[in-house]
Amino acid sequence: MTVYPLLAVGFLMKVVVGVWFICALALILIILIQKGRGGGLSAAFGGGMASGILGSKTGDFLTWVTIVLVGIFLTLAVVMAKFW
């Protein structure tokens, strides 16, 4: 048993953990930008900030980005659980 478990894993697993962490942060931000039933966080900071930047199909675009990020997040989580 090592004192520093992060030093015991290989370089590839460190890359997987880094990508997983970035994916988690991106998921948090994308979900907070989306407009929910109550307006979401985007309504609190300027109304339609995301829809103004990304166009009229922002809801569809953010939904697909969220689905892709969740797929990547879960795949990396399974990889980390299996090989760490």
PDB file of N, CA and C in Angstrom:
ATOM      1  N   MET A   1       0.839  -1.173   0.000  1.00  0.00           N
ATOM      2  CA  MET A   1       0.000   0.000   0.000  1.00  0.00           C
ATOM      3  C   MET A   1       0.891   1.247   0.000  1.00  0.00           C
ATOM      4  N   THR A   2       0.621   2.125  -0.925  1.00  0.00           N
ATOM      5  CA  THR A   2       1.451   3.321  -1.023  1.00  0.00           C
ATOM      6  C   THR A   2       0.836   4.470  -0.248  1.00  0.00           C
ATOM      7  N   VAL A   3       1.675   5.381   0.125  1.00  0.00           N
ATOM      8  CA  VAL A   3       1.210   6.552   0.856  1.00  0.00           C
ATOM      9  C   VAL A   3       0.554   7.542  -0.101  1.00  0.00           C
ATOM     10  N   TYR A   4       1.054   7.624  -1.318  1.00  0.00           N
ATOM     11  CA  TYR A   4       0.531   8.537  -2.331  1.00  0.00           C
ATOM     12  C   TYR A   4      -0.081   7.723  -3.467  1.00  0.00           C
ATOM     13  N   PRO A   5      -1.382   7.436  -3.410  1.00  0.00           N
ATOM     14  CA  PRO A   5      -1.977   6.566  -4.427  1.00  0.00           C
ATOM     15  C   PRO A   5      -1.968   7.176  -5.824  1.00  0.00           C
ATOM     16  N   LEU A   6      -1.939   8.498  -5.936  1.00  0.00           N
ATOM     17  CA  LEU A   6      -1.920   9.118  -7.257  1.00  0.00           C
ATOM     18  C   LEU A   6      -0.606   8.858  -7.976  1.00  0.00           C
ATOM     19  N   LEU A   7       0.471   8.670  -7.227  1.00  0.00           N
ATOM     20  CA  LEU A   7       1.753   8.374  -7.842  1.00  0.00           C
ATOM     21  C   LEU A   7       1.839   6.924  -8.322  1.00  0.00           C
ATOM     22  N   ALA A   8       0.966   6.057  -7.804  1.00  0.00           N
ATOM     23  CA  ALA A   8       1.014   4.646  -8.151  1.00  0.00           C
ATOM     24  C   ALA A   8       0.319   4.348  -9.474  1.00  0.00           C
ATOM     25  N   VAL A   9      -0.560   5.231  -9.939  1.00  0.00           N
ATOM     26  CA  VAL A   9      -1.278   4.979 -11.191  1.00  0.00           C
ATOM     27  C   VAL A   9      -0.423   5.440 -12.366  1.00  0.00           C
ATOM     28  N   GLY A  10      -0.729   4.893 -13.525  1.00  0.00           N
ATOM     29  CA  GLY A  10       0.027   5.235 -14.719  1.00  0.00           C
ATOM     30  C   GLY A  10      -0.364   6.579 -15.299  1.00  0.00           C
ATOM     31  N   PHE A  11       0.408   6.991 -16.297  1.00  0.00           N
ATOM     32  CA  PHE A  11       0.180   8.292 -16.938  1.00  0.00           C
ATOM     33  C   PHE A  11      -1.181   8.335 -17.621  1.00  0.00           C
ATOM     34  N   LEU A  12      -1.583   7.233 -18.266  1.00  0.00           N
ATOM     35  CA  LEU A  12      -2.861   7.200 -18.980  1.00  0.00           C
ATOM     36  C   LEU A  12      -4.038   7.394 -18.032  1.00  0.00           C
ATOM     37  N   MET A  13      -3.956   6.807 -16.853  1.00  0.00           N
ATOM     38  CA  MET A  13      -5.043   6.993 -15.884  1.00  0.00           C
ATOM     39  C   MET A  13      -5.090   8.425 -15.367  1.00  0.00           C
ATOM     40  N   LYS A  14      -3.941   9.068 -15.264  1.00  0.00           N
ATOM     41  CA  LYS A  14      -3.935  10.481 -14.872  1.00  0.00           C
ATOM     42  C   LYS A  14      -4.612  11.331 -15.938  1.00  0.00           C
ATOM     43  N   VAL A  15      -4.399  10.989 -17.195  1.00  0.00           N
ATOM     44  CA  VAL A  15      -5.059  11.702 -18.290  1.00  0.00           C
ATOM     45  C   VAL A  15      -6.565  11.463 -18.233  1.00  0.00           C
ATOM     46  N   VAL A  16      -6.971  10.216 -17.977  1.00  0.00           N
ATOM     47  CA  VAL A  16      -8.399   9.894 -17.881  1.00  0.00           C
ATOM     48  C   VAL A  16      -9.041  10.673 -16.742  1.00  0.00           C
ATOM     49  N   VAL A  17      -8.374  10.750 -15.608  1.00  0.00           N
ATOM     50  CA  VAL A  17      -8.914  11.505 -14.471  1.00  0.00           C
ATOM     51  C   VAL A  17      -9.009  12.989 -14.811  1.00  0.00           C
ATOM     52  N   GLY A  18      -8.023  13.519 -15.499  1.00  0.00           N
ATOM     53  CA  GLY A  18      -8.063  14.929 -15.901  1.00  0.00           C
ATOM     54  C   GLY A  18      -9.210  15.226 -16.847  1.00  0.00           C
ATOM     55  N   VAL A  19      -9.408  14.364 -17.837  1.00  0.00           N
ATOM     56  CA  VAL A  19     -10.519  14.556 -18.785  1.00  0.00           C
ATOM     57  C   VAL A  19     -11.856  14.397 -18.065  1.00  0.00           C
ATOM     58  N   TRP A  20     -11.929  13.449 -17.133  1.00  0.00           N
ATOM     59  CA  TRP A  20     -13.155  13.241 -16.366  1.00  0.00           C
ATOM     60  C   TRP A  20     -13.492  14.479 -15.536  1.00  0.00           C
ATOM     61  N   PHE A  21     -12.482  15.070 -14.927  1.00  0.00           N
ATOM     62  CA  PHE A  21     -12.687  16.270 -14.114  1.00  0.00           C
ATOM     63  C   PHE A  21     -13.148  17.448 -14.970  1.00  0.00           C
ATOM     64  N   ILE A  22     -12.520  17.634 -16.128  1.00  0.00           N
ATOM     65  CA  ILE A  22     -12.923  18.708 -17.045  1.00  0.00           C
ATOM     66  C   ILE A  22     -14.345  18.481 -17.536  1.00  0.00           C
ATOM     67  N   CYS A  23     -14.684  17.234 -17.822  1.00  0.00           N
ATOM     68  CA  CYS A  23     -16.035  16.896 -18.253  1.00  0.00           C
ATOM     69  C   CYS A  23     -17.053  17.207 -17.154  1.00  0.00           C
ATOM     70  N   ALA A  24     -16.698  16.916 -15.907  1.00  0.00           N
ATOM     71  CA  ALA A  24     -17.596  17.201 -14.790  1.00  0.00           C
ATOM     72  C   ALA A  24     -17.833  18.708 -14.652  1.00  0.00           C
ATOM     73  N   LEU A  25     -16.787  19.492 -14.772  1.00  0.00           N
ATOM     74  CA  LEU A  25     -16.946  20.949 -14.695  1.00  0.00           C
ATOM     75  C   LEU A  25     -17.777  21.483 -15.854  1.00  0.00           C
ATOM     76  N   ALA A  26     -17.541  20.965 -17.049  1.00  0.00           N
ATOM     77  CA  ALA A  26     -18.324  21.385 -18.214  1.00  0.00           C
ATOM     78  C   ALA A  26     -19.791  21.020 -18.039  1.00  0.00           C
ATOM     79  N   LEU A  27     -20.065  19.846 -17.496  1.00  0.00           N
ATOM     80  CA  LEU A  27     -21.451  19.439 -17.244  1.00  0.00           C
ATOM     81  C   LEU A  27     -22.136  20.388 -16.266  1.00  0.00           C
ATOM     82  N   ILE A  28     -21.437  20.758 -15.225  1.00  0.00           N
ATOM     83  CA  ILE A  28     -22.009  21.679 -14.245  1.00  0.00           C
ATOM     84  C   ILE A  28     -22.368  23.003 -14.913  1.00  0.00           C
ATOM     85  N   LEU A  29     -21.451  23.531 -15.697  1.00  0.00           N
ATOM     86  CA  LEU A  29     -21.707  24.823 -16.349  1.00  0.00           C
ATOM     87  C   LEU A  29     -22.815  24.741 -17.387  1.00  0.00           C
ATOM     88  N   ILE A  30     -22.827  23.692 -18.198  1.00  0.00           N
ATOM     89  CA  ILE A  30     -23.853  23.548 -19.231  1.00  0.00           C
ATOM     90  C   ILE A  30     -25.233  23.391 -18.597  1.00  0.00           C
ATOM     91  N   ILE A  31     -25.324  22.630 -17.525  1.00  0.00           N
ATOM     92  CA  ILE A  31     -26.618  22.436 -16.873  1.00  0.00           C
ATOM     93  C   ILE A  31     -27.098  23.729 -16.228  1.00  0.00           C
ATOM     94  N   LEU A  32     -26.187  24.510 -15.672  1.00  0.00           N
ATOM     95  CA  LEU A  32     -26.601  25.780 -15.064  1.00  0.00           C
ATOM     96  C   LEU A  32     -27.035  26.807 -16.101  1.00  0.00           C
ATOM     97  N   ILE A  33     -26.500  26.733 -17.308  1.00  0.00           N
ATOM     98  CA  ILE A  33     -26.880  27.678 -18.360  1.00  0.00           C
ATOM     99  C   ILE A  33     -28.279  27.393 -18.893  1.00  0.00           C
ATOM    100  N   GLN A  34     -28.684  26.127 -18.891  1.00  0.00           N
ATOM    101  CA  GLN A  34     -29.964  25.755 -19.489  1.00  0.00           C
ATOM    102  C   GLN A  34     -31.125  26.407 -18.771  1.00  0.00           C
ATOM    103  N   LYS A  35     -32.129  26.713 -19.561  1.00  0.00           N
ATOM    104  CA  LYS A  35     -33.319  27.342 -19.015  1.00  0.00           C
ATOM    105  C   LYS A  35     -34.286  26.265 -18.553  1.00  0.00           C
ATOM    106  N   GLY A  36     -34.581  26.279 -17.289  1.00  0.00           N
ATOM    107  CA  GLY A  36     -35.504  25.306 -16.732  1.00  0.00           C
ATOM    108  C   GLY A  36     -36.890  25.898 -16.584  1.00  0.00           C
ATOM    109  N   ARG A  37     -37.695  25.259 -15.783  1.00  0.00           N
ATOM    110  CA  ARG A  37     -39.054  25.730 -15.558  1.00  0.00           C
ATOM    111  C   ARG A  37     -39.069  27.098 -14.882  1.00  0.00           C
ATOM    112  N   GLY A  38     -38.121  27.313 -13.985  1.00  0.00           N
ATOM    113  CA  GLY A  38     -38.077  28.572 -13.259  1.00  0.00           C
ATOM    114  C   GLY A  38     -37.170  29.606 -13.902  1.00  0.00           C
ATOM    115  N   GLY A  39     -36.641  29.341 -15.066  1.00  0.00           N
ATOM    116  CA  GLY A  39     -35.787  30.289 -15.738  1.00  0.00           C
ATOM    117  C   GLY A  39     -34.321  29.924 -15.673  1.00  0.00           C
ATOM    118  N   GLY A  40     -33.916  29.148 -14.696  1.00  0.00           N
ATOM    119  CA  GLY A  40     -32.524  28.717 -14.593  1.00  0.00           C
ATOM    120  C   GLY A  40     -31.590  29.843 -14.187  1.00  0.00           C
ATOM    121  N   LEU A  41     -30.337  29.545 -14.151  1.00  0.00           N
ATOM    122  CA  LEU A  41     -29.331  30.516 -13.764  1.00  0.00           C
ATOM    123  C   LEU A  41     -29.134  31.556 -14.863  1.00  0.00           C
ATOM    124  N   SER A  42     -29.396  31.171 -16.109  1.00  0.00           N
ATOM    125  CA  SER A  42     -29.221  32.125 -17.208  1.00  0.00           C
ATOM    126  C   SER A  42     -30.218  33.274 -17.104  1.00  0.00           C
ATOM    127  N   ALA A  43     -31.394  33.038 -16.540  1.00  0.00           N
ATOM    128  CA  ALA A  43     -32.376  34.107 -16.367  1.00  0.00           C
ATOM    129  C   ALA A  43     -31.931  35.089 -15.283  1.00  0.00           C
ATOM    130  N   ALA A  44     -31.194  34.603 -14.304  1.00  0.00           N
ATOM    131  CA  ALA A  44     -30.742  35.473 -13.228  1.00  0.00           C
ATOM    132  C   ALA A  44     -29.637  36.415 -13.694  1.00  0.00           C
ATOM    133  N   PHE A  45     -28.845  35.993 -14.684  1.00  0.00           N
ATOM    134  CA  PHE A  45     -27.736  36.801 -15.170  1.00  0.00           C
ATOM    135  C   PHE A  45     -27.971  37.274 -16.594  1.00  0.00           C
ATOM    136  N   GLY A  46     -28.982  38.064 -16.802  1.00  0.00           N
ATOM    137  CA  GLY A  46     -29.130  38.697 -18.102  1.00  0.00           C
ATOM    138  C   GLY A  46     -30.180  38.105 -19.015  1.00  0.00           C
ATOM    139  N   GLY A  47     -31.072  37.317 -18.526  1.00  0.00           N
ATOM    140  CA  GLY A  47     -32.168  36.833 -19.349  1.00  0.00           C
ATOM    141  C   GLY A  47     -31.781  35.765 -20.335  1.00  0.00           C
ATOM    142  N   GLY A  48     -31.527  36.126 -21.575  1.00  0.00           N
ATOM    143  CA  GLY A  48     -31.253  35.135 -22.604  1.00  0.00           C
ATOM    144  C   GLY A  48     -29.821  35.163 -23.065  1.00  0.00           C
ATOM    145  N   MET A  49     -28.905  35.180 -22.174  1.00  0.00           N
ATOM    146  CA  MET A  49     -27.495  35.270 -22.532  1.00  0.00           C
ATOM    147  C   MET A  49     -27.086  34.128 -23.449  1.00  0.00           C
ATOM    148  N   ALA A  50     -27.401  32.894 -23.086  1.00  0.00           N
ATOM    149  CA  ALA A  50     -26.995  31.741 -23.893  1.00  0.00           C
ATOM    150  C   ALA A  50     -27.742  31.707 -25.214  1.00  0.00           C
ATOM    151  N   SER A  51     -29.018  32.034 -25.223  1.00  0.00           N
ATOM    152  CA  SER A  51     -29.772  31.993 -26.464  1.00  0.00           C
ATOM    153  C   SER A  51     -29.342  33.111 -27.407  1.00  0.00           C
ATOM    154  N   GLY A  52     -28.894  34.233 -26.862  1.00  0.00           N
ATOM    155  CA  GLY A  52     -28.408  35.304 -27.713  1.00  0.00           C
ATOM    156  C   GLY A  52     -27.090  34.964 -28.380  1.00  0.00           C
ATOM    157  N   ILE A  53     -26.252  34.249 -27.699  1.00  0.00           N
ATOM    158  CA  ILE A  53     -24.946  33.888 -28.249  1.00  0.00           C
ATOM    159  C   ILE A  53     -25.061  32.753 -29.248  1.00  0.00           C
ATOM    160  N   LEU A  54     -25.846  31.730 -28.905  1.00  0.00           N
ATOM    161  CA  LEU A  54     -25.884  30.516 -29.700  1.00  0.00           C
ATOM    162  C   LEU A  54     -27.024  30.456 -30.705  1.00  0.00           C
ATOM    163  N   GLY A  55     -27.938  31.385 -30.691  1.00  0.00           N
ATOM    164  CA  GLY A  55     -29.020  31.392 -31.664  1.00  0.00           C
ATOM    165  C   GLY A  55     -30.333  30.905 -31.085  1.00  0.00           C
ATOM    166  N   SER A  56     -31.309  30.687 -31.976  1.00  0.00           N
ATOM    167  CA  SER A  56     -32.658  30.347 -31.532  1.00  0.00           C
ATOM    168  C   SER A  56     -32.806  28.884 -31.136  1.00  0.00           C
ATOM    169  N   LYS A  57     -31.907  28.026 -31.563  1.00  0.00           N
ATOM    170  CA  LYS A  57     -31.990  26.596 -31.255  1.00  0.00           C
ATOM    171  C   LYS A  57     -31.104  26.223 -30.063  1.00  0.00           C
ATOM    172  N   THR A  58     -30.971  27.130 -29.108  1.00  0.00           N
ATOM    173  CA  THR A  58     -30.072  26.916 -27.983  1.00  0.00           C
ATOM    174  C   THR A  58     -30.498  25.730 -27.135  1.00  0.00           C
ATOM    175  N   GLY A  59     -31.804  25.580 -26.907  1.00  0.00           N
ATOM    176  CA  GLY A  59     -32.291  24.475 -26.087  1.00  0.00           C
ATOM    177  C   GLY A  59     -31.910  23.132 -26.670  1.00  0.00           C
ATOM    178  N   ASP A  60     -32.092  22.967 -27.970  1.00  0.00           N
ATOM    179  CA  ASP A  60     -31.725  21.708 -28.618  1.00  0.00           C
ATOM    180  C   ASP A  60     -30.224  21.482 -28.564  1.00  0.00           C
ATOM    181  N   PHE A  61     -29.453  22.525 -28.827  1.00  0.00           N
ATOM    182  CA  PHE A  61     -27.999  22.407 -28.819  1.00  0.00           C
ATOM    183  C   PHE A  61     -27.483  22.040 -27.433  1.00  0.00           C
ATOM    184  N   LEU A  62     -27.967  22.724 -26.404  1.00  0.00           N
ATOM    185  CA  LEU A  62     -27.505  22.447 -25.044  1.00  0.00           C
ATOM    186  C   LEU A  62     -27.954  21.071 -24.576  1.00  0.00           C
ATOM    187  N   THR A  63     -29.110  20.616 -25.036  1.00  0.00           N
ATOM    188  CA  THR A  63     -29.567  19.278 -24.686  1.00  0.00           C
ATOM    189  C   THR A  63     -28.630  18.226 -25.258  1.00  0.00           C
ATOM    190  N   TRP A  64     -28.249  18.381 -26.522  1.00  0.00           N
ATOM    191  CA  TRP A  64     -27.344  17.412 -27.145  1.00  0.00           C
ATOM    192  C   TRP A  64     -25.942  17.467 -26.541  1.00  0.00           C
ATOM    193  N   VAL A  65     -25.476  18.647 -26.218  1.00  0.00           N
ATOM    194  CA  VAL A  65     -24.166  18.772 -25.571  1.00  0.00           C
ATOM    195  C   VAL A  65     -24.200  18.087 -24.210  1.00  0.00           C
ATOM    196  N   THR A  66     -25.294  18.255 -23.472  1.00  0.00           N
ATOM    197  CA  THR A  66     -25.431  17.618 -22.168  1.00  0.00           C
ATOM    198  C   THR A  66     -25.441  16.101 -22.295  1.00  0.00           C
ATOM    199  N   ILE A  67     -26.164  15.579 -23.283  1.00  0.00           N
ATOM    200  CA  ILE A  67     -26.230  14.134 -23.492  1.00  0.00           C
ATOM    201  C   ILE A  67     -24.852  13.573 -23.821  1.00  0.00           C
ATOM    202  N   VAL A  68     -24.112  14.244 -24.690  1.00  0.00           N
ATOM    203  CA  VAL A  68     -22.776  13.782 -25.066  1.00  0.00           C
ATOM    204  C   VAL A  68     -21.837  13.833 -23.863  1.00  0.00           C
ATOM    205  N   LEU A  69     -21.884  14.917 -23.098  1.00  0.00           N
ATOM    206  CA  LEU A  69     -21.012  15.035 -21.927  1.00  0.00           C
ATOM    207  C   LEU A  69     -21.339  13.994 -20.861  1.00  0.00           C
ATOM    208  N   VAL A  70     -22.614  13.679 -20.677  1.00  0.00           N
ATOM    209  CA  VAL A  70     -22.985  12.642 -19.713  1.00  0.00           C
ATOM    210  C   VAL A  70     -22.462  11.288 -20.174  1.00  0.00           C
ATOM    211  N   GLY A  71     -22.551  11.008 -21.465  1.00  0.00           N
ATOM    212  CA  GLY A  71     -22.013   9.753 -21.989  1.00  0.00           C
ATOM    213  C   GLY A  71     -20.520   9.637 -21.766  1.00  0.00           C
ATOM    214  N   ILE A  72     -19.785  10.713 -22.042  1.00  0.00           N
ATOM    215  CA  ILE A  72     -18.335  10.718 -21.824  1.00  0.00           C
ATOM    216  C   ILE A  72     -18.025  10.571 -20.336  1.00  0.00           C
ATOM    217  N   PHE A  73     -18.758  11.293 -19.500  1.00  0.00           N
ATOM    218  CA  PHE A  73     -18.548  11.253 -18.054  1.00  0.00           C
ATOM    219  C   PHE A  73     -18.750   9.842 -17.508  1.00  0.00           C
ATOM    220  N   LEU A  74     -19.840   9.194 -17.896  1.00  0.00           N
ATOM    221  CA  LEU A  74     -20.122   7.851 -17.392  1.00  0.00           C
ATOM    222  C   LEU A  74     -19.130   6.820 -17.920  1.00  0.00           C
ATOM    223  N   THR A  75     -18.735   6.952 -19.190  1.00  0.00           N
ATOM    224  CA  THR A  75     -17.752   6.029 -19.753  1.00  0.00           C
ATOM    225  C   THR A  75     -16.421   6.141 -19.023  1.00  0.00           C
ATOM    226  N   LEU A  76     -15.973   7.356 -18.786  1.00  0.00           N
ATOM    227  CA  LEU A  76     -14.716   7.545 -18.067  1.00  0.00           C
ATOM    228  C   LEU A  76     -14.818   7.069 -16.619  1.00  0.00           C
ATOM    229  N   ALA A  77     -15.980   7.232 -16.001  1.00  0.00           N
ATOM    230  CA  ALA A  77     -16.165   6.763 -14.626  1.00  0.00           C
ATOM    231  C   ALA A  77     -16.056   5.242 -14.568  1.00  0.00           C
ATOM    232  N   VAL A  78     -16.629   4.564 -15.557  1.00  0.00           N
ATOM    233  CA  VAL A  78     -16.536   3.096 -15.591  1.00  0.00           C
ATOM    234  C   VAL A  78     -15.087   2.660 -15.832  1.00  0.00           C
ATOM    235  N   VAL A  79     -14.394   3.362 -16.721  1.00  0.00           N
ATOM    236  CA  VAL A  79     -12.979   3.044 -16.982  1.00  0.00           C
ATOM    237  C   VAL A  79     -12.150   3.230 -15.719  1.00  0.00           C
ATOM    238  N   MET A  80     -12.384   4.320 -15.004  1.00  0.00           N
ATOM    239  CA  MET A  80     -11.637   4.549 -13.776  1.00  0.00           C
ATOM    240  C   MET A  80     -11.939   3.500 -12.711  1.00  0.00           C
ATOM    241  N   ALA A  81     -13.215   3.093 -12.610  1.00  0.00           N
ATOM    242  CA  ALA A  81     -13.593   2.089 -11.617  1.00  0.00           C
ATOM    243  C   ALA A  81     -12.982   0.725 -11.949  1.00  0.00           C
ATOM    244  N   LYS A  82     -12.858   0.423 -13.227  1.00  0.00           N
ATOM    245  CA  LYS A  82     -12.333  -0.885 -13.624  1.00  0.00           C
ATOM    246  C   LYS A  82     -10.828  -0.969 -13.490  1.00  0.00           C
ATOM    247  N   PHE A  83     -10.112   0.081 -13.860  1.00  0.00           N
ATOM    248  CA  PHE A  83      -8.667  -0.007 -13.965  1.00  0.00           C
ATOM    249  C   PHE A  83      -7.876   0.689 -12.865  1.00  0.00           C
ATOM    250  N   TRP A  84      -8.535   1.383 -11.948  1.00  0.00           N
ATOM    251  CA  TRP A  84      -7.781   2.089 -10.926  1.00  0.00           C
ATOM    252  C   TRP A  84      -7.543   1.196  -9.769  1.00  0.00           C
TER     253      TRP A  84
END
